[in-house]
């Protein structure tokens, strides 16, 4: 069976059309793949940034927890120091008041303590 020139021409045209369609599909798929790779790279970069931020926040949290533990350990000492200071000041005020009161009583009795 021999093919006519028209059949051969139509076959060639069909092959050229099929090739064009396949080339177009290949270009579309390549563009989609490139877009997917760019999106993956962008998401990977975001993930890296989020990981760095999480690690930074974790480090800050750990430092604050250590600081809290130190302050909790010092709390009793700070309270004792504070209340000792208040008590000492109060005792000093009482002594001064008592001394002044004794001086007044002695002075009114005619005794000089100086």
Protein backbone atom coordinates (compact mmCIF):
# COMPACT_ATOMS: atom_id res chain seq x y z
CA UNK A 1 0.00 0.00 0.00
CA UNK A 2 1.43 3.26 -1.02
CA UNK A 3 0.63 6.49 0.59
CA UNK A 4 -0.25 9.53 -1.31
CA UNK A 5 1.58 12.77 -0.96
CA UNK A 6 -1.42 14.26 0.77
CA UNK A 7 -1.45 11.45 3.33
CA UNK A 8 2.23 11.95 4.00
CA UNK A 9 1.74 15.71 4.26
CA UNK A 10 -1.19 15.26 6.64
CA UNK A 11 0.83 12.81 8.74
CA UNK A 12 3.72 15.27 8.87
CA UNK A 13 1.37 18.10 9.85
CA UNK A 14 -0.22 15.90 12.51
CA UNK A 15 3.21 14.96 13.89
CA UNK A 16 4.26 18.62 13.92
CA UNK A 17 1.03 19.55 15.72
CA UNK A 18 1.48 16.73 18.23
CA UNK A 19 5.09 17.81 18.77
CA UNK A 20 3.93 21.41 19.36
CA UNK A 21 1.32 20.28 21.85
CA UNK A 22 3.82 18.05 23.65
CA UNK A 23 6.37 20.88 23.71
CA UNK A 24 3.73 23.23 25.12
CA UNK A 25 2.74 20.67 27.80
CA UNK A 26 6.41 20.12 28.63
CA UNK A 27 6.95 23.89 29.02
CA UNK A 28 3.84 24.17 31.22
CA UNK A 29 4.99 21.29 33.42
CA UNK A 30 8.52 22.74 33.63
CA UNK A 31 7.09 26.12 34.68
CA UNK A 32 4.92 24.41 37.30
CA UNK A 33 7.92 22.46 38.60
CA UNK A 34 10.01 25.65 38.77
CA UNK A 35 7.19 27.42 40.66
CA UNK A 36 6.94 24.49 43.07
CA UNK A 37 10.72 24.57 43.65
CA UNK A 38 10.60 28.33 44.31
CA UNK A 39 7.71 27.88 46.75
CA UNK A 40 9.56 25.03 48.50
CA UNK A 41 12.69 27.18 48.81
CA UNK A 42 10.62 30.09 50.14
CA UNK A 43 8.93 27.85 52.70
CA UNK A 44 12.29 26.38 53.68
CA UNK A 45 13.67 29.88 54.25
CA UNK A 46 10.61 30.79 56.36
CA UNK A 47 11.02 27.58 58.35
CA UNK A 48 14.68 28.42 59.00
CA UNK A 49 13.71 31.93 60.19
CA UNK A 50 10.98 30.53 62.44
CA UNK A 51 13.40 27.94 63.85
CA UNK A 52 15.96 30.66 64.63
CA UNK A 53 13.28 32.80 66.29
CA UNK A 54 12.04 29.80 68.31
CA UNK A 55 15.58 29.01 69.44
CA UNK A 56 16.13 32.65 70.43
CA UNK A 57 12.90 32.73 72.41
CA UNK A 58 13.77 29.42 74.06
CA UNK A 59 17.15 30.82 75.10
CA UNK A 60 15.51 33.97 76.49
CA UNK A 61 12.92 31.87 78.34
CA UNK A 62 15.63 29.69 79.86
CA UNK A 63 17.55 32.78 80.99
CA UNK A 64 14.42 34.23 82.58
CA UNK A 65 13.71 30.93 84.34
CA UNK A 66 17.25 30.88 85.75
CA UNK A 67 16.86 34.50 86.86
CA UNK A 68 13.53 33.63 88.51
CA UNK A 69 15.18 30.75 90.37
CA UNK A 70 17.99 33.01 91.58
CA UNK A 71 15.51 35.64 92.78
CA UNK A 72 13.39 33.00 94.49
CA UNK A 73 16.48 31.72 96.27
CA UNK A 74 17.38 35.25 97.38
CA UNK A 75 13.84 36.14 98.45
CA UNK A 76 14.21 34.94 102.02
CA UNK A 77 17.53 36.71 102.43
CA UNK A 78 16.08 39.91 101.03
CA UNK A 79 13.09 39.71 103.39
CA UNK A 80 15.35 39.05 106.38
CA UNK A 81 17.62 41.96 105.44
CA UNK A 82 14.67 44.28 104.90
CA UNK A 83 12.94 43.39 108.14
CA UNK A 84 16.22 43.46 110.09
CA UNK A 85 16.81 46.96 108.79
CA UNK A 86 13.33 48.06 109.83
CA UNK A 87 13.71 46.41 113.24
CA UNK A 88 17.12 48.03 113.83
CA UNK A 89 15.73 51.43 112.89
CA UNK A 90 12.76 50.89 115.18
CA UNK A 91 15.00 49.81 118.07
CA UNK A 92 17.16 52.88 117.55
CA UNK A 93 14.08 55.12 117.61
CA UNK A 94 12.88 53.42 120.81
CA UNK A 95 16.29 53.90 122.48
CA UNK A 96 16.38 57.56 121.49
CA UNK A 97 12.82 58.07 122.75
CA UNK A 98 13.60 56.27 126.01
CA UNK A 99 16.80 58.25 126.51
CA UNK A 100 14.97 61.52 125.82
CA UNK A 101 12.16 60.49 128.17
CA UNK A 102 14.67 59.59 130.93
CA UNK A 103 16.46 62.88 130.48
CA UNK A 104 13.18 64.77 130.83
CA UNK A 105 12.25 62.84 133.96
CA UNK A 106 15.73 63.33 135.43
CA UNK A 107 15.70 67.00 134.52
CA UNK A 108 12.28 67.50 136.09
CA UNK A 109 13.62 65.77 139.25
CA UNK A 110 16.60 68.12 139.16
CA UNK A 111 19.19 65.45 138.18
CA UNK A 112 21.55 66.26 135.32
CA UNK A 113 22.69 63.25 133.22
CA UNK A 114 25.21 65.01 131.01
